[in-house]
Amino acid sequence: MKNFKPDKLVQQRSSAWLKLGGKLVTRIVEDSDNGISQDGEGDKFPPYSKRNAGVGWRTIKTKKGIKRIFIDSYFNLKKAGKATPKGVSSSRQVSPPNLRASGEMLNSIKAQKATRDSVEINYRSGLKVMGNANPPGWTKKPRRNIYGLNDDNWEFARDFIDKEIDQKILKFNRKKVYFDIKA
């Protein structure tokens, strides 16, 4: 015989929250690799622009005078595997866009600080994440959001928590339990 308070039923172990957080991080990264946004219904990322795909040579002013440089589009650079600094592994996938030029931004998403009622998903490259989620209007960049959870991932989290609560109910159903409804 054990006294049991109903509010304890919904509280989970921090390890369960950490496990959920890890699974959600994996789902966010996999969605991004498949070009799926974390907005509402999980819209597809807009494709990379092919505009000015072969811009060519330009003359620019520098502190030392005039300099000729070759400018190419991100689409062409990524397709050729040259969108990252030398020595950094890069993804050549351009369709669908996957926000994985070097992998640094997606690899920096971590689940941490789990408590008995929540887990924190940390975006360590937060400026990059928010720059893709809400680009400034003057850049005319399309929105590619990996911040937050889309509807499918919310449903996954809800199902995970439901299963955890169901397991607790089954555990306490096997024993005689007296509910203390005083707060």
C-alpha atoms as a PDB file:
ATOM      1  CA  MET A   1       0.000   0.000   0.000  1.00  0.00           C
ATOM      2  CA  LYS A   2       1.405   3.261  -1.096  1.00  0.00           C
ATOM      3  CA  ASN A   3       0.059   6.804  -1.166  1.00  0.00           C
ATOM      4  CA  PHE A   4       0.138   8.225  -4.665  1.00  0.00           C
ATOM      5  CA  LYS A   5      -0.548  11.768  -5.840  1.00  0.00           C
ATOM      6  CA  PRO A   6      -2.150  12.002  -9.324  1.00  0.00           C
ATOM      7  CA  ASP A   7       0.136  14.845 -10.445  1.00  0.00           C
ATOM      8  CA  LYS A   8       3.099  12.464 -10.120  1.00  0.00           C
ATOM      9  CA  LEU A   9       1.574  10.382 -12.904  1.00  0.00           C
ATOM     10  CA  VAL A  10       2.513  12.893 -15.598  1.00  0.00           C
ATOM     11  CA  GLN A  11       6.002  13.609 -14.282  1.00  0.00           C
ATOM     12  CA  GLN A  12       8.668  11.595 -16.058  1.00  0.00           C
ATOM     13  CA  ARG A  13      12.210  10.631 -15.188  1.00  0.00           C
ATOM     14  CA  SER A  14      14.760  13.081 -16.580  1.00  0.00           C
ATOM     15  CA  SER A  15      16.320  10.187 -18.512  1.00  0.00           C
ATOM     16  CA  ALA A  16      13.023   9.696 -20.400  1.00  0.00           C
ATOM     17  CA  TRP A  17      12.957  13.397 -21.295  1.00  0.00           C
ATOM     18  CA  LEU A  18      16.589  13.229 -22.434  1.00  0.00           C
ATOM     19  CA  LYS A  19      15.765  10.205 -24.592  1.00  0.00           C
ATOM     20  CA  LEU A  20      12.831  12.106 -26.141  1.00  0.00           C
ATOM     21  CA  GLY A  21      15.048  15.143 -26.742  1.00  0.00           C
ATOM     22  CA  GLY A  22      17.657  12.998 -28.492  1.00  0.00           C
ATOM     23  CA  LYS A  23      15.010  11.440 -30.726  1.00  0.00           C
ATOM     24  CA  LEU A  24      13.586  14.877 -31.587  1.00  0.00           C
ATOM     25  CA  VAL A  25      17.057  16.199 -32.482  1.00  0.00           C
ATOM     26  CA  THR A  26      17.528  13.194 -34.780  1.00  0.00           C
ATOM     27  CA  ARG A  27      14.156  13.858 -36.409  1.00  0.00           C
ATOM     28  CA  ILE A  28      14.991  17.554 -36.956  1.00  0.00           C
ATOM     29  CA  VAL A  29      18.314  16.664 -38.628  1.00  0.00           C
ATOM     30  CA  GLU A  30      16.703  13.933 -40.761  1.00  0.00           C
ATOM     31  CA  ASP A  31      13.930  16.342 -41.789  1.00  0.00           C
ATOM     32  CA  SER A  32      16.544  18.898 -42.808  1.00  0.00           C
ATOM     33  CA  ASP A  33      18.435  16.277 -44.832  1.00  0.00           C
ATOM     34  CA  ASN A  34      15.166  15.564 -46.648  1.00  0.00           C
ATOM     35  CA  GLY A  35      14.452  19.275 -47.167  1.00  0.00           C
ATOM     36  CA  ILE A  36      11.535  19.393 -44.696  1.00  0.00           C
ATOM     37  CA  SER A  37      10.893  22.527 -42.646  1.00  0.00           C
ATOM     38  CA  GLN A  38       9.920  22.668 -38.964  1.00  0.00           C
ATOM     39  CA  ASP A  39       7.087  25.059 -39.851  1.00  0.00           C
ATOM     40  CA  GLY A  40       3.534  23.852 -39.169  1.00  0.00           C
ATOM     41  CA  GLU A  41       2.902  21.017 -41.588  1.00  0.00           C
ATOM     42  CA  GLY A  42       6.567  20.510 -42.495  1.00  0.00           C
ATOM     43  CA  ASP A  43       6.696  22.342 -45.816  1.00  0.00           C
ATOM     44  CA  LYS A  44       9.507  21.558 -48.270  1.00  0.00           C
ATOM     45  CA  PHE A  45      12.487  23.921 -48.341  1.00  0.00           C
ATOM     46  CA  PRO A  46      12.469  26.165 -51.411  1.00  0.00           C
ATOM     47  CA  PRO A  47      15.225  25.151 -53.872  1.00  0.00           C
ATOM     48  CA  TYR A  48      18.546  26.969 -54.014  1.00  0.00           C
ATOM     49  CA  SER A  49      18.452  29.814 -56.502  1.00  0.00           C
ATOM     50  CA  LYS A  50      20.121  29.295 -59.866  1.00  0.00           C
ATOM     51  CA  ARG A  51      19.941  33.033 -60.500  1.00  0.00           C
ATOM     52  CA  ASN A  52      23.329  34.403 -61.514  1.00  0.00           C
ATOM     53  CA  ALA A  53      24.621  30.817 -61.589  1.00  0.00           C
ATOM     54  CA  GLY A  54      27.629  31.778 -63.692  1.00  0.00           C
ATOM     55  CA  VAL A  55      28.241  35.389 -62.690  1.00  0.00           C
ATOM     56  CA  GLY A  56      31.881  35.463 -63.805  1.00  0.00           C
ATOM     57  CA  TRP A  57      34.597  38.055 -63.319  1.00  0.00           C
ATOM     58  CA  ARG A  58      33.978  41.302 -61.440  1.00  0.00           C
ATOM     59  CA  THR A  59      36.126  44.300 -60.610  1.00  0.00           C
ATOM     60  CA  ILE A  60      35.963  45.471 -56.984  1.00  0.00           C
ATOM     61  CA  LYS A  61      37.640  48.264 -55.060  1.00  0.00           C
ATOM     62  CA  THR A  62      39.872  47.297 -52.164  1.00  0.00           C
ATOM     63  CA  LYS A  63      42.114  49.277 -49.815  1.00  0.00           C
ATOM     64  CA  LYS A  64      45.040  48.426 -52.087  1.00  0.00           C
ATOM     65  CA  GLY A  65      43.276  49.467 -55.296  1.00  0.00           C
ATOM     66  CA  ILE A  66      41.187  47.665 -57.879  1.00  0.00           C
ATOM     67  CA  LYS A  67      41.061  43.870 -57.896  1.00  0.00           C
ATOM     68  CA  ARG A  68      39.479  41.397 -60.320  1.00  0.00           C
ATOM     69  CA  ILE A  69      37.703  38.428 -58.676  1.00  0.00           C
ATOM     70  CA  PHE A  70      35.557  35.575 -59.936  1.00  0.00           C
ATOM     71  CA  ILE A  71      32.100  35.365 -58.334  1.00  0.00           C
ATOM     72  CA  ASP A  72      30.056  32.180 -58.534  1.00  0.00           C
ATOM     73  CA  SER A  73      26.657  31.257 -57.077  1.00  0.00           C
ATOM     74  CA  TYR A  74      26.158  29.199 -53.935  1.00  0.00           C
ATOM     75  CA  PHE A  75      24.276  26.632 -56.038  1.00  0.00           C
ATOM     76  CA  ASN A  76      27.309  26.036 -58.301  1.00  0.00           C
ATOM     77  CA  LEU A  77      29.791  26.102 -55.418  1.00  0.00           C
ATOM     78  CA  LYS A  78      27.823  23.590 -53.366  1.00  0.00           C
ATOM     79  CA  LYS A  79      27.289  21.311 -56.364  1.00  0.00           C
ATOM     80  CA  ALA A  80      31.061  21.314 -56.948  1.00  0.00           C
ATOM     81  CA  GLY A  81      31.745  20.700 -53.216  1.00  0.00           C
ATOM     82  CA  LYS A  82      33.505  24.064 -52.833  1.00  0.00           C
ATOM     83  CA  ALA A  83      30.986  25.892 -50.612  1.00  0.00           C
ATOM     84  CA  THR A  84      33.084  25.319 -47.477  1.00  0.00           C
ATOM     85  CA  PRO A  85      36.612  26.294 -46.448  1.00  0.00           C
ATOM     86  CA  LYS A  86      39.446  24.070 -47.645  1.00  0.00           C
ATOM     87  CA  GLY A  87      39.847  20.936 -45.549  1.00  0.00           C
ATOM     88  CA  VAL A  88      36.243  20.934 -44.281  1.00  0.00           C
ATOM     89  CA  SER A  89      34.031  18.062 -45.373  1.00  0.00           C
ATOM     90  CA  SER A  90      31.083  19.282 -47.416  1.00  0.00           C
ATOM     91  CA  SER A  91      27.782  18.056 -48.777  1.00  0.00           C
ATOM     92  CA  ARG A  92      27.130  18.355 -52.513  1.00  0.00           C
ATOM     93  CA  GLN A  93      23.374  17.814 -52.249  1.00  0.00           C
ATOM     94  CA  VAL A  94      21.512  20.715 -53.848  1.00  0.00           C
ATOM     95  CA  SER A  95      18.072  19.182 -54.318  1.00  0.00           C
ATOM     96  CA  PRO A  96      16.319  19.238 -51.938  1.00  0.00           C
ATOM     97  CA  PRO A  97      18.264  21.872 -49.992  1.00  0.00           C
ATOM     98  CA  ASN A  98      19.529  20.348 -46.744  1.00  0.00           C
ATOM     99  CA  LEU A  99      21.331  23.203 -44.904  1.00  0.00           C
ATOM    100  CA  ARG A 100      24.389  20.974 -44.634  1.00  0.00           C
ATOM    101  CA  ALA A 101      27.239  22.816 -46.349  1.00  0.00           C
ATOM    102  CA  SER A 102      29.782  21.839 -43.684  1.00  0.00           C
ATOM    103  CA  GLY A 103      27.417  20.048 -41.276  1.00  0.00           C
ATOM    104  CA  GLU A 104      28.428  22.371 -38.418  1.00  0.00           C
ATOM    105  CA  MET A 105      24.974  23.912 -37.891  1.00  0.00           C
ATOM    106  CA  LEU A 106      23.047  20.612 -37.852  1.00  0.00           C
ATOM    107  CA  ASN A 107      25.701  18.835 -35.779  1.00  0.00           C
ATOM    108  CA  SER A 108      25.436  21.546 -33.123  1.00  0.00           C
ATOM    109  CA  ILE A 109      21.821  20.699 -32.188  1.00  0.00           C
ATOM    110  CA  LYS A 110      21.801  18.909 -28.817  1.00  0.00           C
ATOM    111  CA  ALA A 111      19.270  17.773 -26.200  1.00  0.00           C
ATOM    112  CA  GLN A 112      20.269  18.830 -22.667  1.00  0.00           C
ATOM    113  CA  LYS A 113      19.107  20.000 -19.248  1.00  0.00           C
ATOM    114  CA  ALA A 114      16.413  17.384 -18.813  1.00  0.00           C
ATOM    115  CA  THR A 115      14.223  17.791 -15.716  1.00  0.00           C
ATOM    116  CA  ARG A 116      11.229  15.795 -14.474  1.00  0.00           C
ATOM    117  CA  ASP A 117       8.896  17.738 -16.777  1.00  0.00           C
ATOM    118  CA  SER A 118      10.913  19.043 -19.756  1.00  0.00           C
ATOM    119  CA  VAL A 119      14.002  18.829 -21.931  1.00  0.00           C
ATOM    120  CA  GLU A 120      15.882  21.639 -23.651  1.00  0.00           C
ATOM    121  CA  ILE A 121      16.902  21.416 -27.301  1.00  0.00           C
ATOM    122  CA  ASN A 122      19.936  23.647 -27.761  1.00  0.00           C
ATOM    123  CA  TYR A 123      20.890  25.150 -31.120  1.00  0.00           C
ATOM    124  CA  ARG A 124      24.541  26.066 -30.527  1.00  0.00           C
ATOM    125  CA  SER A 125      24.791  27.747 -33.946  1.00  0.00           C
ATOM    126  CA  GLY A 126      21.737  29.809 -33.090  1.00  0.00           C
ATOM    127  CA  LEU A 127      22.544  32.792 -35.309  1.00  0.00           C
ATOM    128  CA  LYS A 128      22.807  30.545 -38.369  1.00  0.00           C
ATOM    129  CA  VAL A 129      19.611  28.697 -37.445  1.00  0.00           C
ATOM    130  CA  MET A 130      17.652  31.927 -36.945  1.00  0.00           C
ATOM    131  CA  GLY A 131      19.208  33.469 -40.080  1.00  0.00           C
ATOM    132  CA  ASN A 132      17.780  30.590 -42.110  1.00  0.00           C
ATOM    133  CA  ALA A 133      14.472  30.566 -40.228  1.00  0.00           C
ATOM    134  CA  ASN A 134      13.842  34.319 -40.520  1.00  0.00           C
ATOM    135  CA  PRO A 135      16.212  35.863 -43.068  1.00  0.00           C
ATOM    136  CA  PRO A 136      16.217  39.662 -43.230  1.00  0.00           C
ATOM    137  CA  GLY A 137      13.809  40.978 -45.865  1.00  0.00           C
ATOM    138  CA  TRP A 138      16.492  42.850 -47.788  1.00  0.00           C
ATOM    139  CA  THR A 139      18.373  39.616 -48.571  1.00  0.00           C
ATOM    140  CA  LYS A 140      15.353  38.102 -50.355  1.00  0.00           C
ATOM    141  CA  LYS A 141      16.522  34.694 -49.098  1.00  0.00           C
ATOM    142  CA  PRO A 142      13.803  32.039 -48.829  1.00  0.00           C
ATOM    143  CA  ARG A 143      12.830  30.708 -45.417  1.00  0.00           C
ATOM    144  CA  ARG A 144      14.395  27.360 -44.428  1.00  0.00           C
ATOM    145  CA  ASN A 145      13.384  26.771 -40.808  1.00  0.00           C
ATOM    146  CA  ILE A 146      14.844  24.042 -38.570  1.00  0.00           C
ATOM    147  CA  TYR A 147      13.974  25.832 -35.304  1.00  0.00           C
ATOM    148  CA  GLY A 148      11.169  24.290 -33.254  1.00  0.00           C
ATOM    149  CA  LEU A 149       9.027  21.281 -34.202  1.00  0.00           C
ATOM    150  CA  ASN A 150       6.659  20.690 -37.099  1.00  0.00           C
ATOM    151  CA  ASP A 151       3.287  18.980 -36.600  1.00  0.00           C
ATOM    152  CA  ASP A 152       4.657  15.462 -37.226  1.00  0.00           C
ATOM    153  CA  ASN A 153       7.398  15.923 -34.622  1.00  0.00           C
ATOM    154  CA  TRP A 154       4.909  17.343 -32.081  1.00  0.00           C
ATOM    155  CA  GLU A 155       2.752  14.270 -32.634  1.00  0.00           C
ATOM    156  CA  PHE A 156       5.813  12.028 -32.169  1.00  0.00           C
ATOM    157  CA  ALA A 157       6.597  13.783 -28.844  1.00  0.00           C
ATOM    158  CA  ARG A 158       2.968  13.479 -27.711  1.00  0.00           C
ATOM    159  CA  ASP A 159       2.928   9.734 -28.521  1.00  0.00           C
ATOM    160  CA  PHE A 160       6.237   9.225 -26.678  1.00  0.00           C
ATOM    161  CA  ILE A 161       4.880  10.934 -23.536  1.00  0.00           C
ATOM    162  CA  ASP A 162       1.571   9.029 -23.809  1.00  0.00           C
ATOM    163  CA  LYS A 163       3.475   5.723 -23.866  1.00  0.00           C
ATOM    164  CA  GLU A 164       5.507   6.749 -20.808  1.00  0.00           C
ATOM    165  CA  ILE A 165       2.316   7.655 -18.895  1.00  0.00           C
ATOM    166  CA  ASP A 166       0.646   4.395 -19.985  1.00  0.00           C
ATOM    167  CA  GLN A 167       3.625   2.442 -18.618  1.00  0.00           C
ATOM    168  CA  LYS A 168       3.291   4.245 -15.271  1.00  0.00           C
ATOM    169  CA  ILE A 169      -0.432   3.492 -15.142  1.00  0.00           C
ATOM    170  CA  LEU A 170       0.237  -0.186 -15.800  1.00  0.00           C
ATOM    171  CA  LYS A 171       2.959  -0.215 -13.144  1.00  0.00           C
ATOM    172  CA  PHE A 172       0.679   1.249 -10.476  1.00  0.00           C
ATOM    173  CA  ASN A 173      -2.311  -0.784 -11.625  1.00  0.00           C
ATOM    174  CA  ARG A 174      -0.534  -3.961 -10.501  1.00  0.00           C
ATOM    175  CA  LYS A 175      -0.333  -2.730  -6.900  1.00  0.00           C
ATOM    176  CA  LYS A 176      -2.910  -1.428  -4.491  1.00  0.00           C
ATOM    177  CA  VAL A 177      -2.613   2.318  -4.634  1.00  0.00           C
ATOM    178  CA  TYR A 178      -4.344   4.886  -2.487  1.00  0.00           C
ATOM    179  CA  PHE A 179      -4.715   8.257  -4.157  1.00  0.00           C
ATOM    180  CA  ASP A 180      -4.141  11.325  -1.997  1.00  0.00           C
ATOM    181  CA  ILE A 181      -6.156  14.112  -3.633  1.00  0.00           C
ATOM    182  CA  LYS A 182      -5.050  16.788  -1.196  1.00  0.00           C
ATOM    183  CA  ALA A 183      -2.628  19.164  -2.869  1.00  0.00           C
END
